[in-house]
PDB file of N, CA and C in Angstrom:
ATOM      1  N   MET A   1     203.478  78.640  66.868  1.00  0.00           N
ATOM      2  CA  MET A   1     203.884  78.874  65.694  1.00  0.00           C
ATOM      3  C   MET A   1     203.400  79.598  64.470  1.00  0.00           C
ATOM      4  N   PRO A   2     204.034  80.805  63.600  1.00  0.00           N
ATOM      5  CA  PRO A   2     202.936  81.218  63.063  1.00  0.00           C
ATOM      6  C   PRO A   2     202.016  80.729  62.251  1.00  0.00           C
ATOM      7  N   PRO A   3     201.056  81.501  62.006  1.00  0.00           N
ATOM      8  CA  PRO A   3     199.852  81.109  60.799  1.00  0.00           C
ATOM      9  C   PRO A   3     200.651  81.059  59.199  1.00  0.00           C
ATOM     10  N   THR A   4     199.876  80.245  58.587  1.00  0.00           N
ATOM     11  CA  THR A   4     200.340  79.840  57.044  1.00  0.00           C
ATOM     12  C   THR A   4     199.743  80.572  56.411  1.00  0.00           C
ATOM     13  N   PRO A   5     199.758  81.023  55.154  1.00  0.00           N
ATOM     14  CA  PRO A   5     199.246  81.719  54.277  1.00  0.00           C
ATOM     15  C   PRO A   5     197.972  80.775  53.519  1.00  0.00           C
ATOM     16  N   ALA A   6     197.906  79.769  53.779  1.00  0.00           N
ATOM     17  CA  ALA A   6     196.598  78.710  53.743  1.00  0.00           C
ATOM     18  C   ALA A   6     196.521  78.608  54.919  1.00  0.00           C
ATOM     19  N   LEU A   7     196.147  78.198  55.575  1.00  0.00           N
ATOM     20  CA  LEU A   7     195.048  78.542  57.190  1.00  0.00           C
ATOM     21  C   LEU A   7     194.614  80.072  57.252  1.00  0.00           C
ATOM     22  N   SER A   8     195.388  81.095  57.416  1.00  0.00           N
ATOM     23  CA  SER A   8     195.169  82.615  57.663  1.00  0.00           C
ATOM     24  C   SER A   8     194.573  83.108  56.402  1.00  0.00           C
ATOM     25  N   GLN A   9     194.517  82.466  55.313  1.00  0.00           N
ATOM     26  CA  GLN A   9     194.203  83.110  54.230  1.00  0.00           C
ATOM     27  C   GLN A   9     194.662  84.352  53.566  1.00  0.00           C
ATOM     28  N   GLU A  10     196.297  85.146  54.531  1.00  0.00           N
ATOM     29  CA  GLU A  10     196.729  86.190  54.305  1.00  0.00           C
ATOM     30  C   GLU A  10     197.788  86.060  53.101  1.00  0.00           C
ATOM     31  N   ARG A  11     197.681  87.081  52.636  1.00  0.00           N
ATOM     32  CA  ARG A  11     199.035  87.350  51.520  1.00  0.00           C
ATOM     33  C   ARG A  11     200.572  87.305  52.500  1.00  0.00           C
ATOM     34  N   TYR A  12     201.363  85.692  51.675  1.00  0.00           N
ATOM     35  CA  TYR A  12     202.794  86.068  51.341  1.00  0.00           C
ATOM     36  C   TYR A  12     203.644  86.773  50.665  1.00  0.00           C
ATOM     37  N   THR A  13     204.671  86.510  50.964  1.00  0.00           N
ATOM     38  CA  THR A  13     205.795  87.316  50.311  1.00  0.00           C
ATOM     39  C   THR A  13     206.903  86.800  50.607  1.00  0.00           C
ATOM     40  N   ALA A  14     207.492  86.448  49.287  1.00  0.00           N
ATOM     41  CA  ALA A  14     209.103  85.921  48.960  1.00  0.00           C
ATOM     42  C   ALA A  14     209.642  86.106  48.588  1.00  0.00           C
ATOM     43  N   ARG A  15     210.894  86.535  48.332  1.00  0.00           N
ATOM     44  CA  ARG A  15     212.658  87.393  47.017  1.00  0.00           C
ATOM     45  C   ARG A  15     213.811  86.927  47.567  1.00  0.00           C
ATOM     46  N   GLY A  16     213.989  86.958  46.288  1.00  0.00           N
ATOM     47  CA  GLY A  16     215.831  86.910  46.800  1.00  0.00           C
ATOM     48  C   GLY A  16     216.779  87.020  45.448  1.00  0.00           C
ATOM     49  N   GLN A  17     217.043  86.783  45.432  1.00  0.00           N
ATOM     50  CA  GLN A  17     218.946  87.925  44.431  1.00  0.00           C
ATOM     51  C   GLN A  17     219.514  86.913  44.067  1.00  0.00           C
ATOM     52  N   GLU A  18     219.799  87.083  42.641  1.00  0.00           N
ATOM     53  CA  GLU A  18     220.955  86.982  41.960  1.00  0.00           C
ATOM     54  C   GLU A  18     221.001  85.104  41.436  1.00  0.00           C
ATOM     55  N   PRO A  19     219.372  84.973  40.734  1.00  0.00           N
ATOM     56  CA  PRO A  19     219.093  85.948  39.918  1.00  0.00           C
ATOM     57  C   PRO A  19     217.764  86.558  40.521  1.00  0.00           C
ATOM     58  N   GLY A  20     217.045  88.109  40.730  1.00  0.00           N
ATOM     59  CA  GLY A  20     216.141  88.119  41.353  1.00  0.00           C
ATOM     60  C   GLY A  20     214.939  87.756  41.084  1.00  0.00           C
ATOM     61  N   TRP A  21     214.360  87.551  42.276  1.00  0.00           N
ATOM     62  CA  TRP A  21     212.659  86.766  41.996  1.00  0.00           C
ATOM     63  C   TRP A  21     212.101  86.788  43.127  1.00  0.00           C
ATOM     64  N   THR A  22     210.694  87.047  42.928  1.00  0.00           N
ATOM     65  CA  THR A  22     209.846  87.150  43.753  1.00  0.00           C
ATOM     66  C   THR A  22     208.528  85.910  44.116  1.00  0.00           C
ATOM     67  N   LEU A  23     207.496  85.636  45.183  1.00  0.00           N
ATOM     68  CA  LEU A  23     207.021  84.565  45.256  1.00  0.00           C
ATOM     69  C   LEU A  23     205.963  85.724  46.275  1.00  0.00           C
ATOM     70  N   THR A  24     204.413  85.564  45.272  1.00  0.00           N
ATOM     71  CA  THR A  24     203.320  85.805  46.247  1.00  0.00           C
ATOM     72  C   THR A  24     202.229  84.751  46.811  1.00  0.00           C
ATOM     73  N   ILE A  25     201.842  84.390  47.627  1.00  0.00           N
ATOM     74  CA  ILE A  25     201.004  83.566  47.578  1.00  0.00           C
ATOM     75  C   ILE A  25     199.942  83.814  48.428  1.00  0.00           C
ATOM     76  N   ALA A  26     198.310  83.962  47.330  1.00  0.00           N
ATOM     77  CA  ALA A  26     196.851  84.965  48.228  1.00  0.00           C
ATOM     78  C   ALA A  26     196.021  84.588  47.011  1.00  0.00           C
ATOM     79  N   ASN A  27     194.858  84.299  47.818  1.00  0.00           N
ATOM     80  CA  ASN A  27     193.963  84.236  46.773  1.00  0.00           C
ATOM     81  C   ASN A  27     194.042  82.810  45.959  1.00  0.00           C
ATOM     82  N   GLY A  28     194.446  81.898  46.811  1.00  0.00           N
ATOM     83  CA  GLY A  28     194.241  80.580  46.269  1.00  0.00           C
ATOM     84  C   GLY A  28     195.457  80.392  45.485  1.00  0.00           C
ATOM     85  N   ARG A  29     196.585  81.491  45.378  1.00  0.00           N
ATOM     86  CA  ARG A  29     197.105  80.906  44.051  1.00  0.00           C
ATOM     87  C   ARG A  29     198.951  80.770  44.499  1.00  0.00           C
ATOM     88  N   MET A  30     199.348  80.539  44.285  1.00  0.00           N
ATOM     89  CA  MET A  30     200.811  80.954  44.223  1.00  0.00           C
ATOM     90  C   MET A  30     201.117  81.651  43.034  1.00  0.00           C
ATOM     91  N   ASP A  31     202.233  82.603  43.040  1.00  0.00           N
ATOM     92  CA  ASP A  31     202.582  83.185  41.582  1.00  0.00           C
ATOM     93  C   ASP A  31     204.206  83.252  41.904  1.00  0.00           C
ATOM     94  N   TYR A  32     205.394  82.711  40.976  1.00  0.00           N
ATOM     95  CA  TYR A  32     206.289  83.196  41.397  1.00  0.00           C
ATOM     96  C   TYR A  32     206.879  83.807  39.873  1.00  0.00           C
ATOM     97  N   VAL A  33     207.530  84.888  39.891  1.00  0.00           N
ATOM     98  CA  VAL A  33     208.203  85.446  39.064  1.00  0.00           C
ATOM     99  C   VAL A  33     209.351  85.346  38.970  1.00  0.00           C
ATOM    100  N   GLY A  34     210.779  84.246  38.435  1.00  0.00           N
ATOM    101  CA  GLY A  34     212.059  84.329  38.556  1.00  0.00           C
ATOM    102  C   GLY A  34     212.936  85.115  37.204  1.00  0.00           C
ATOM    103  N   ASP A  35     214.173  84.694  37.750  1.00  0.00           N
ATOM    104  CA  ASP A  35     214.852  85.108  36.104  1.00  0.00           C
ATOM    105  C   ASP A  35     215.237  86.761  36.073  1.00  0.00           C
ATOM    106  N   TYR A  36     214.415  87.960  37.098  1.00  0.00           N
ATOM    107  CA  TYR A  36     214.400  88.531  36.256  1.00  0.00           C
ATOM    108  C   TYR A  36     213.298  89.258  36.140  1.00  0.00           C
ATOM    109  N   GLY A  37     211.749  88.520  36.142  1.00  0.00           N
ATOM    110  CA  GLY A  37     211.034  88.703  35.275  1.00  0.00           C
ATOM    111  C   GLY A  37     210.818  87.538  33.709  1.00  0.00           C
ATOM    112  N   THR A  38     212.172  86.728  33.440  1.00  0.00           N
ATOM    113  CA  THR A  38     211.801  86.213  31.956  1.00  0.00           C
ATOM    114  C   THR A  38     211.401  84.847  32.732  1.00  0.00           C
ATOM    115  N   THR A  39     210.672  84.221  33.854  1.00  0.00           N
ATOM    116  CA  THR A  39     210.177  83.003  34.298  1.00  0.00           C
ATOM    117  C   THR A  39     209.045  83.478  35.279  1.00  0.00           C
ATOM    118  N   ARG A  40     208.044  83.555  34.705  1.00  0.00           N
ATOM    119  CA  ARG A  40     206.625  83.278  34.647  1.00  0.00           C
ATOM    120  C   ARG A  40     205.592  82.166  35.298  1.00  0.00           C
ATOM    121  N   ILE A  41     205.446  82.005  36.656  1.00  0.00           N
ATOM    122  CA  ILE A  41     204.344  80.423  37.136  1.00  0.00           C
ATOM    123  C   ILE A  41     203.514  80.695  37.566  1.00  0.00           C
ATOM    124  N   SER A  42     202.534  80.543  37.392  1.00  0.00           N
ATOM    125  CA  SER A  42     201.114  81.157  38.349  1.00  0.00           C
ATOM    126  C   SER A  42     200.614  78.808  38.567  1.00  0.00           C
ATOM    127  N   VAL A  43     200.205  79.356  39.814  1.00  0.00           N
ATOM    128  CA  VAL A  43     199.225  77.422  40.140  1.00  0.00           C
ATOM    129  C   VAL A  43     198.982  77.531  41.036  1.00  0.00           C
ATOM    130  N   PRO A  44     197.561  77.471  41.413  1.00  0.00           N
ATOM    131  CA  PRO A  44     196.747  76.718  42.369  1.00  0.00           C
ATOM    132  C   PRO A  44     197.407  76.049  43.567  1.00  0.00           C
ATOM    133  N   ARG A  45     196.992  77.045  45.096  1.00  0.00           N
ATOM    134  CA  ARG A  45     198.363  76.584  46.638  1.00  0.00           C
ATOM    135  C   ARG A  45     197.321  75.459  46.523  1.00  0.00           C
ATOM    136  N   PRO A  46     198.459  74.583  46.365  1.00  0.00           N
ATOM    137  CA  PRO A  46     197.958  73.390  47.075  1.00  0.00           C
ATOM    138  C   PRO A  46     197.856  73.740  48.694  1.00  0.00           C
ATOM    139  N   GLU A  47     197.035  72.663  49.395  1.00  0.00           N
ATOM    140  CA  GLU A  47     196.444  72.408  51.005  1.00  0.00           C
ATOM    141  C   GLU A  47     198.833  72.910  51.463  1.00  0.00           C
ATOM    142  N   PRO A  48     199.227  72.886  52.625  1.00  0.00           N
ATOM    143  CA  PRO A  48     200.763  73.077  52.709  1.00  0.00           C
ATOM    144  C   PRO A  48     200.820  71.656  53.700  1.00  0.00           C
ATOM    145  N   ILE A  49     201.727  71.347  53.672  1.00  0.00           N
ATOM    146  CA  ILE A  49     202.381  69.904  53.894  1.00  0.00           C
ATOM    147  C   ILE A  49     203.542  70.478  55.280  1.00  0.00           C
ATOM    148  N   ILE A  50     203.064  69.970  56.958  1.00  0.00           N
ATOM    149  CA  ILE A  50     203.170  71.185  58.325  1.00  0.00           C
ATOM    150  C   ILE A  50     204.873  70.123  57.980  1.00  0.00           C
ATOM    151  N   ALA A  51     205.884  71.276  58.209  1.00  0.00           N
ATOM    152  CA  ALA A  51     207.395  70.614  58.013  1.00  0.00           C
ATOM    153  C   ALA A  51     207.679  70.759  59.923  1.00  0.00           C
ATOM    154  N   ILE A  52     208.625  70.373  60.254  1.00  0.00           N
ATOM    155  CA  ILE A  52     208.893  70.391  61.352  1.00  0.00           C
ATOM    156  C   ILE A  52     209.228  71.952  61.756  1.00  0.00           C
ATOM    157  N   ASN A  53     209.166  73.044  60.841  1.00  0.00           N
ATOM    158  CA  ASN A  53     209.385  74.650  61.073  1.00  0.00           C
ATOM    159  C   ASN A  53     209.325  76.003  60.415  1.00  0.00           C
ATOM    160  N   GLY A  54     208.167  74.900  59.976  1.00  0.00           N
ATOM    161  CA  GLY A  54     207.540  75.555  58.559  1.00  0.00           C
ATOM    162  C   GLY A  54     206.784  75.032  57.605  1.00  0.00           C
ATOM    163  N   HIS A  55     206.782  74.996  56.543  1.00  0.00           N
ATOM    164  CA  HIS A  55     205.371  74.792  55.568  1.00  0.00           C
ATOM    165  C   HIS A  55     205.999  74.261  54.183  1.00  0.00           C
ATOM    166  N   ILE A  56     205.258  73.271  53.327  1.00  0.00           N
ATOM    167  CA  ILE A  56     206.060  73.110  52.120  1.00  0.00           C
ATOM    168  C   ILE A  56     204.338  73.256  51.466  1.00  0.00           C
ATOM    169  N   TYR A  57     204.846  73.327  49.920  1.00  0.00           N
ATOM    170  CA  TYR A  57     203.604  73.220  48.851  1.00  0.00           C
ATOM    171  C   TYR A  57     203.953  72.642  48.059  1.00  0.00           C
ATOM    172  N   ARG A  58     203.802  71.901  47.860  1.00  0.00           N
ATOM    173  CA  ARG A  58     204.315  71.369  46.453  1.00  0.00           C
ATOM    174  C   ARG A  58     203.200  70.779  45.078  1.00  0.00           C
ATOM    175  N   THR A  59     203.869  71.588  43.948  1.00  0.00           N
ATOM    176  CA  THR A  59     202.979  71.509  42.554  1.00  0.00           C
ATOM    177  C   THR A  59     203.963  70.979  41.250  1.00  0.00           C
ATOM    178  N   ARG A  60     203.165  70.484  40.262  1.00  0.00           N
ATOM    179  CA  ARG A  60     204.538  70.095  39.445  1.00  0.00           C
ATOM    180  C   ARG A  60     205.322  70.361  38.915  1.00  0.00           C
ATOM    181  N   ARG A  61     204.975  72.344  38.557  1.00  0.00           N
ATOM    182  CA  ARG A  61     206.091  72.879  38.732  1.00  0.00           C
ATOM    183  C   ARG A  61     206.742  73.686  39.745  1.00  0.00           C
ATOM    184  N   LEU A  62     205.979  73.926  40.904  1.00  0.00           N
ATOM    185  CA  LEU A  62     206.759  74.524  42.009  1.00  0.00           C
ATOM    186  C   LEU A  62     206.487  74.346  43.396  1.00  0.00           C
ATOM    187  N   THR A  63     207.796  74.369  44.269  1.00  0.00           N
ATOM    188  CA  THR A  63     207.374  74.021  45.099  1.00  0.00           C
ATOM    189  C   THR A  63     208.226  75.400  45.969  1.00  0.00           C
ATOM    190  N   VAL A  64     207.770  75.454  47.403  1.00  0.00           N
ATOM    191  CA  VAL A  64     208.120  76.071  48.067  1.00  0.00           C
ATOM    192  C   VAL A  64     207.869  75.549  49.308  1.00  0.00           C
ATOM    193  N   SER A  65     209.120  76.302  49.968  1.00  0.00           N
ATOM    194  CA  SER A  65     209.175  75.259  51.583  1.00  0.00           C
ATOM    195  C   SER A  65     209.743  76.173  51.929  1.00  0.00           C
ATOM    196  N   THR A  66     209.130  76.636  53.459  1.00  0.00           N
ATOM    197  CA  THR A  66     209.453  78.442  54.257  1.00  0.00           C
ATOM    198  C   THR A  66     210.078  77.217  55.248  1.00  0.00           C
ATOM    199  N   SER A  67     210.467  78.284  55.876  1.00  0.00           N
ATOM    200  CA  SER A  67     211.821  77.438  57.583  1.00  0.00           C
ATOM    201  C   SER A  67     211.517  78.650  58.536  1.00  0.00           C
ATOM    202  N   HIS A  68     210.409  79.117  59.508  1.00  0.00           N
ATOM    203  CA  HIS A  68     210.934  79.962  60.349  1.00  0.00           C
ATOM    204  C   HIS A  68     212.075  80.548  61.474  1.00  0.00           C
ATOM    205  N   GLY A  69     212.767  81.409  60.970  1.00  0.00           N
ATOM    206  CA  GLY A  69     214.459  81.846  61.572  1.00  0.00           C
ATOM    207  C   GLY A  69     214.785  83.128  61.141  1.00  0.00           C
ATOM    208  N   ARG A  70     215.519  83.774  61.694  1.00  0.00           N
ATOM    209  CA  ARG A  70     215.864  84.993  60.885  1.00  0.00           C
ATOM    210  C   ARG A  70     216.906  84.525  59.499  1.00  0.00           C
ATOM    211  N   CYS A  71     215.402  86.049  58.689  1.00  0.00           N
ATOM    212  CA  CYS A  71     216.552  85.778  57.281  1.00  0.00           C
ATOM    213  C   CYS A  71     216.750  87.421  56.904  1.00  0.00           C
ATOM    214  N   ASN A  72     218.481  86.911  56.681  1.00  0.00           N
ATOM    215  CA  ASN A  72     218.661  88.961  56.051  1.00  0.00           C
ATOM    216  C   ASN A  72     218.298  88.836  54.177  1.00  0.00           C
ATOM    217  N   ASP A  73     217.901  89.788  53.577  1.00  0.00           N
ATOM    218  CA  ASP A  73     218.232  89.600  52.207  1.00  0.00           C
ATOM    219  C   ASP A  73     219.219  89.714  52.238  1.00  0.00           C
ATOM    220  N   ALA A  74     220.278  88.757  50.850  1.00  0.00           N
ATOM    221  CA  ALA A  74     221.806  89.514  50.490  1.00  0.00           C
ATOM    222  C   ALA A  74     221.548  90.759  50.184  1.00  0.00           C
ATOM    223  N   MET A  75     220.829  91.555  49.337  1.00  0.00           N
ATOM    224  CA  MET A  75     221.583  92.439  48.588  1.00  0.00           C
ATOM    225  C   MET A  75     220.961  93.918  49.920  1.00  0.00           C
ATOM    226  N   SER A  76     219.735  94.405  50.485  1.00  0.00           N
ATOM    227  CA  SER A  76     219.492  94.977  51.229  1.00  0.00           C
ATOM    228  C   SER A  76     219.641  95.102  52.325  1.00  0.00           C
ATOM    229  N   GLY A  77     219.975  93.671  53.260  1.00  0.00           N
ATOM    230  CA  GLY A  77     220.204  93.346  54.440  1.00  0.00           C
ATOM    231  C   GLY A  77     218.734  93.078  55.556  1.00  0.00           C
ATOM    232  N   GLN A  78     217.678  93.449  54.656  1.00  0.00           N
ATOM    233  CA  GLN A  78     216.431  93.773  55.120  1.00  0.00           C
ATOM    234  C   GLN A  78     216.178  92.345  55.729  1.00  0.00           C
ATOM    235  N   GLY A  79     215.715  92.158  57.653  1.00  0.00           N
ATOM    236  CA  GLY A  79     215.146  91.331  57.921  1.00  0.00           C
ATOM    237  C   GLY A  79     213.982  90.482  57.730  1.00  0.00           C
ATOM    238  N   PHE A  80     213.763  89.583  57.845  1.00  0.00           N
ATOM    239  CA  PHE A  80     212.252  89.090  57.349  1.00  0.00           C
ATOM    240  C   PHE A  80     212.165  87.340  58.735  1.00  0.00           C
ATOM    241  N   ALA A  81     211.022  87.015  58.551  1.00  0.00           N
ATOM    242  CA  ALA A  81     211.102  85.768  59.997  1.00  0.00           C
ATOM    243  C   ALA A  81     211.261  84.605  59.253  1.00  0.00           C
ATOM    244  N   ASP A  82     210.851  84.592  57.647  1.00  0.00           N
ATOM    245  CA  ASP A  82     211.579  82.815  57.937  1.00  0.00           C
ATOM    246  C   ASP A  82     212.734  83.046  56.725  1.00  0.00           C
ATOM    247  N   HIS A  83     213.131  82.139  56.213  1.00  0.00           N
ATOM    248  CA  HIS A  83     214.278  81.862  55.478  1.00  0.00           C
ATOM    249  C   HIS A  83     213.073  80.703  54.311  1.00  0.00           C
ATOM    250  N   VAL A  84     212.788  81.166  52.914  1.00  0.00           N
ATOM    251  CA  VAL A  84     212.351  80.463  51.843  1.00  0.00           C
ATOM    252  C   VAL A  84     213.103  79.725  50.851  1.00  0.00           C
ATOM    253  N   MET A  85     212.879  79.162  50.042  1.00  0.00           N
ATOM    254  CA  MET A  85     213.146  77.880  49.104  1.00  0.00           C
ATOM    255  C   MET A  85     211.972  78.154  48.105  1.00  0.00           C
ATOM    256  N   VAL A  86     212.701  78.077  46.714  1.00  0.00           N
ATOM    257  CA  VAL A  86     211.917  77.887  45.783  1.00  0.00           C
ATOM    258  C   VAL A  86     211.877  76.554  44.583  1.00  0.00           C
ATOM    259  N   ILE A  87     211.718  76.174  44.267  1.00  0.00           N
ATOM    260  CA  ILE A  87     212.221  75.115  42.940  1.00  0.00           C
ATOM    261  C   ILE A  87     211.015  75.287  42.382  1.00  0.00           C
ATOM    262  N   ALA A  88     211.394  75.455  41.237  1.00  0.00           N
ATOM    263  CA  ALA A  88     210.211  76.460  40.215  1.00  0.00           C
ATOM    264  C   ALA A  88     211.461  75.974  38.683  1.00  0.00           C
ATOM    265  N   ASP A  89     210.049  74.663  38.258  1.00  0.00           N
ATOM    266  CA  ASP A  89     210.867  74.047  36.667  1.00  0.00           C
ATOM    267  C   ASP A  89     212.213  73.157  36.935  1.00  0.00           C
ATOM    268  N   GLY A  90     212.344  73.169  38.415  1.00  0.00           N
ATOM    269  CA  GLY A  90     213.809  72.347  38.660  1.00  0.00           C
ATOM    270  C   GLY A  90     214.897  73.317  38.664  1.00  0.00           C
ATOM    271  N   LYS A  91     214.622  74.210  38.948  1.00  0.00           N
ATOM    272  CA  LYS A  91     215.874  75.493  39.450  1.00  0.00           C
ATOM    273  C   LYS A  91     215.417  75.539  40.965  1.00  0.00           C
ATOM    274  N   THR A  92     216.203  75.733  41.872  1.00  0.00           N
ATOM    275  CA  THR A  92     216.296  76.354  42.995  1.00  0.00           C
ATOM    276  C   THR A  92     216.521  77.256  43.194  1.00  0.00           C
ATOM    277  N   VAL A  93     216.602  78.495  44.050  1.00  0.00           N
ATOM    278  CA  VAL A  93     216.922  79.559  44.443  1.00  0.00           C
ATOM    279  C   VAL A  93     216.185  79.986  46.169  1.00  0.00           C
ATOM    280  N   ARG A  94     216.919  80.539  46.631  1.00  0.00           N
ATOM    281  CA  ARG A  94     216.349  80.644  48.255  1.00  0.00           C
ATOM    282  C   ARG A  94     217.030  82.463  48.309  1.00  0.00           C
ATOM    283  N   GLY A  95     215.741  82.317  49.239  1.00  0.00           N
ATOM    284  CA  GLY A  95     215.630  83.925  49.967  1.00  0.00           C
ATOM    285  C   GLY A  95     215.172  84.180  51.142  1.00  0.00           C
ATOM    286  N   CYS A  96     214.210  84.816  51.593  1.00  0.00           N
ATOM    287  CA  CYS A  96     213.583  85.423  52.057  1.00  0.00           C
ATOM    288  C   CYS A  96     211.896  85.607  51.840  1.00  0.00           C
ATOM    289  N   GLY A  97     211.382  85.467  53.251  1.00  0.00           N
ATOM    290  CA  GLY A  97     210.041  86.050  53.003  1.00  0.00           C
ATOM    291  C   GLY A  97     209.271  85.920  54.179  1.00  0.00           C
ATOM    292  N   GLY A  98     207.399  86.552  54.560  1.00  0.00           N
ATOM    293  CA  GLY A  98     206.850  86.317  55.936  1.00  0.00           C
ATOM    294  C   GLY A  98     207.690  87.964  56.080  1.00  0.00           C
ATOM    295  N   GLU A  99     206.999  88.162  57.152  1.00  0.00           N
ATOM    296  CA  GLU A  99     207.100  89.085  58.483  1.00  0.00           C
ATOM    297  C   GLU A  99     208.069  90.163  57.972  1.00  0.00           C
ATOM    298  N   ARG A 100     208.121  91.019  57.749  1.00  0.00           N
ATOM    299  CA  ARG A 100     209.093  92.354  57.817  1.00  0.00           C
ATOM    300  C   ARG A 100     209.833  92.289  59.290  1.00  0.00           C
ATOM    301  N   ARG A 101     210.967  91.744  59.552  1.00  0.00           N
ATOM    302  CA  ARG A 101     211.503  92.478  60.885  1.00  0.00           C
ATOM    303  C   ARG A 101     212.685  93.428  61.165  1.00  0.00           C
ATOM    304  N   LYS A 102     212.216  94.523  60.723  1.00  0.00           N
ATOM    305  CA  LYS A 102     213.265  95.494  60.815  1.00  0.00           C
ATOM    306  C   LYS A 102     213.569  95.690  61.517  1.00  0.00           C
ATOM    307  N   GLU A 103     214.270  95.496  63.302  1.00  0.00           N
ATOM    308  CA  GLU A 103     215.061  95.162  64.180  1.00  0.00           C
ATOM    309  C   GLU A 103     216.036  94.279  63.830  1.00  0.00           C
ATOM    310  N   TRP A 104     215.874  93.210  62.493  1.00  0.00           N
ATOM    311  CA  TRP A 104     216.939  91.589  62.071  1.00  0.00           C
ATOM    312  C   TRP A 104     217.754  92.798  61.403  1.00  0.00           C
ATOM    313  N   ASP A 105     217.309  94.096  60.813  1.00  0.00           N
ATOM    314  CA  ASP A 105     218.396  94.990  59.463  1.00  0.00           C
ATOM    315  C   ASP A 105     219.608  94.399  59.541  1.00  0.00           C
ATOM    316  N   GLN A 106     220.106  94.012  58.856  1.00  0.00           N
ATOM    317  CA  GLN A 106     221.728  94.531  58.780  1.00  0.00           C
ATOM    318  C   GLN A 106     222.361  96.129  58.268  1.00  0.00           C
TER     319      GLN A 106
END
């Protein structure tokens, strides 16, 4: 299983469409920007929960779930290593994250 941002201390990014959102996990924080920039949540990164095929990060306002497997961005068709689901203040969005995989571009 690939290392997680929590374990490797590397920067992890994810994004999704309709409405546009981004997530960055780095430097001990999770930073979410949703609804094309109108929603912003920044929280300390909790320790990950190891899931069957990924990781889950839970806080009061933000839950991030990653699942390793081919994911293509809905707008660009770019390939990424993970499917990502974010629940931000009760609103669920889905997209792609992790390592960019150009060989999976559509």
